[in-house]
Protein backbone atom coordinates (compact mmCIF):
# COMPACT_ATOMS: atom_id res chain seq x y z
CA GLN A 1 9.36 5.05 6.90
CA VAL A 2 5.73 3.81 6.40
CA GLN A 3 5.14 0.93 8.21
CA LEU A 4 1.81 -1.53 7.59
CA VAL A 5 2.03 -4.49 9.47
CA GLU A 6 0.29 -7.30 9.37
CA SER A 7 -0.78 -10.09 11.93
CA GLY A 8 -3.36 -12.35 12.97
CA GLY A 9 -3.59 -14.85 10.55
CA GLY A 10 -3.15 -18.63 10.85
CA LEU A 11 -4.79 -21.96 10.06
CA VAL A 12 -8.89 -22.47 11.36
CA GLN A 13 -11.01 -24.56 11.27
CA PRO A 14 -14.23 -24.25 9.16
CA GLY A 15 -16.83 -21.91 11.16
CA GLY A 16 -14.29 -20.83 12.93
CA SER A 17 -13.21 -17.14 13.56
CA LEU A 18 -10.12 -14.85 13.02
CA THR A 19 -9.66 -11.55 13.92
CA LEU A 20 -6.25 -9.62 11.32
CA SER A 21 -4.58 -6.36 12.65
CA CYS A 22 -2.31 -3.80 10.24
CA ALA A 23 -0.05 -1.80 12.60
CA ALA A 24 0.29 1.44 10.62
CA SER A 25 3.50 4.00 11.28
CA GLY A 26 4.98 7.34 9.00
CA PHE A 27 2.21 8.48 8.04
CA THR A 28 -1.09 10.21 9.03
CA PHE A 29 -2.99 7.66 10.00
CA SER A 30 -6.59 9.23 11.25
CA THR A 31 -6.31 10.82 7.48
CA TYR A 32 -5.87 7.67 5.35
CA GLY A 33 -9.14 5.75 3.68
CA MET A 34 -8.15 2.01 5.22
CA ASN A 35 -9.03 -1.59 3.18
CA TRP A 36 -8.47 -5.44 3.32
CA TYR A 37 -7.66 -6.78 0.12
CA ARG A 38 -6.96 -10.55 -0.78
CA GLN A 39 -5.50 -13.09 -2.36
CA GLY A 40 -6.62 -16.61 -3.01
CA PRO A 41 -4.22 -18.53 -4.39
CA GLY A 42 -4.82 -18.60 -8.27
CA LYS A 43 -6.94 -15.38 -7.88
CA GLU A 44 -6.85 -12.13 -7.69
CA ARG A 45 -6.21 -9.67 -4.75
CA GLU A 46 -9.77 -7.86 -4.44
CA LEU A 47 -10.95 -5.82 -2.04
CA VAL A 48 -12.73 -7.73 0.98
CA ALA A 49 -13.18 -4.07 3.55
CA GLY A 50 -12.92 -0.77 3.53
CA ILE A 51 -13.41 1.81 5.87
CA SER A 52 -13.22 5.75 5.87
CA SER A 53 -10.33 7.62 7.92
CA ALA A 54 -13.21 8.77 11.15
CA GLY A 55 -14.46 5.19 11.12
CA SER A 56 -18.46 6.31 9.52
CA ARG A 57 -18.41 4.77 6.28
CA LEU A 58 -18.01 0.69 6.00
CA ASN A 59 -18.00 -1.52 2.90
CA TYR A 60 -18.14 -5.02 2.29
CA ALA A 61 -17.44 -7.95 -0.31
CA ASP A 62 -20.65 -9.58 -1.07
CA SER A 63 -19.22 -12.82 -0.37
CA VAL A 64 -18.23 -11.43 3.41
CA LYS A 65 -21.82 -9.11 4.15
CA GLY A 66 -22.33 -10.76 7.11
CA ARG A 67 -19.59 -12.58 8.53
CA PHE A 68 -16.35 -10.01 8.89
CA THR A 69 -17.15 -6.35 9.86
CA ILE A 70 -13.97 -4.11 9.68
CA SER A 71 -12.96 -1.38 12.34
CA ARG A 72 -10.59 1.46 13.40
CA ASP A 73 -8.68 3.10 16.45
CA ASN A 74 -7.16 5.79 15.22
CA ALA A 75 -5.51 6.06 19.27
CA LYS A 76 -3.67 2.90 17.98
CA ASN A 77 -3.13 3.60 14.46
CA THR A 78 -4.42 0.43 14.33
CA VAL A 79 -7.34 -1.58 11.49
CA TYR A 80 -8.43 -4.89 12.06
CA LEU A 81 -11.22 -7.30 10.42
CA LEU A 82 -13.07 -9.08 12.52
CA MET A 83 -13.94 -13.04 10.41
CA ASN A 84 -16.34 -15.26 11.53
CA SER A 85 -18.09 -18.66 10.30
CA LEU A 86 -15.16 -18.49 8.33
CA LYS A 87 -15.33 -20.74 4.90
CA PRO A 88 -12.27 -22.72 3.14
CA ALA A 89 -13.02 -19.68 0.34
CA ASP A 90 -12.13 -17.49 2.35
CA THR A 91 -8.39 -19.29 1.87
CA ALA A 92 -6.06 -16.43 1.45
CA VAL A 93 -3.44 -13.51 1.38
CA TYR A 94 -5.25 -11.44 3.02
CA TYR A 95 -3.40 -7.03 2.86
CA CYS A 96 -3.77 -3.98 5.00
CA ASN A 97 -3.75 -1.17 2.42
CA ALA A 98 -4.25 2.62 3.20
CA VAL A 99 -5.41 5.93 0.85
CA ALA A 100 -4.42 8.58 1.22
CA PRO A 101 -7.45 11.77 1.07
CA LEU A 102 -7.27 12.67 -1.95
CA ALA A 103 -5.84 8.49 -3.41
CA GLU A 104 -1.78 10.75 -3.88
CA TYR A 105 -0.29 7.11 -2.16
CA ASN A 106 -1.72 3.69 -1.01
CA TYR A 107 0.49 1.90 0.87
CA TRP A 108 0.96 -2.27 1.10
CA GLY A 109 1.28 -3.71 3.89
CA GLN A 110 3.20 -7.66 3.42
CA GLY A 111 0.30 -9.39 3.53
CA THR A 112 -1.22 -12.31 6.43
CA GLN A 113 -2.66 -15.63 6.10
CA VAL A 114 -5.26 -17.24 6.15
CA THR A 115 -6.49 -21.18 5.60
CA VAL A 116 -9.44 -22.14 7.16
CA SER A 117 -9.90 -26.21 6.17
CA SER A 118 -10.45 -29.39 8.63
């Protein structure tokens, strides 16, 4: 059974930091590309950051470049999102996403809420 379980969300003040984690099971994690998406209130879901299976290729949305860092530990079947200099505009539900090598499978976590507010 495939599972993606996000954790680490919460309430943080503007300028603060959070690290999200996504623990994966039920598939060969080391062969999948991993992404973080988010969906803010009244907005469409958007790609925040992505990392290739070996961790050699990274991509970020322009809105988070220089502030967020995606990483993975294939030994722990976990992907992370370090978020620094958080802004109210970063408030959203953050979702972990796994994509199979040929995109034949696409899995989603249940999401974790991040709220940036003073």
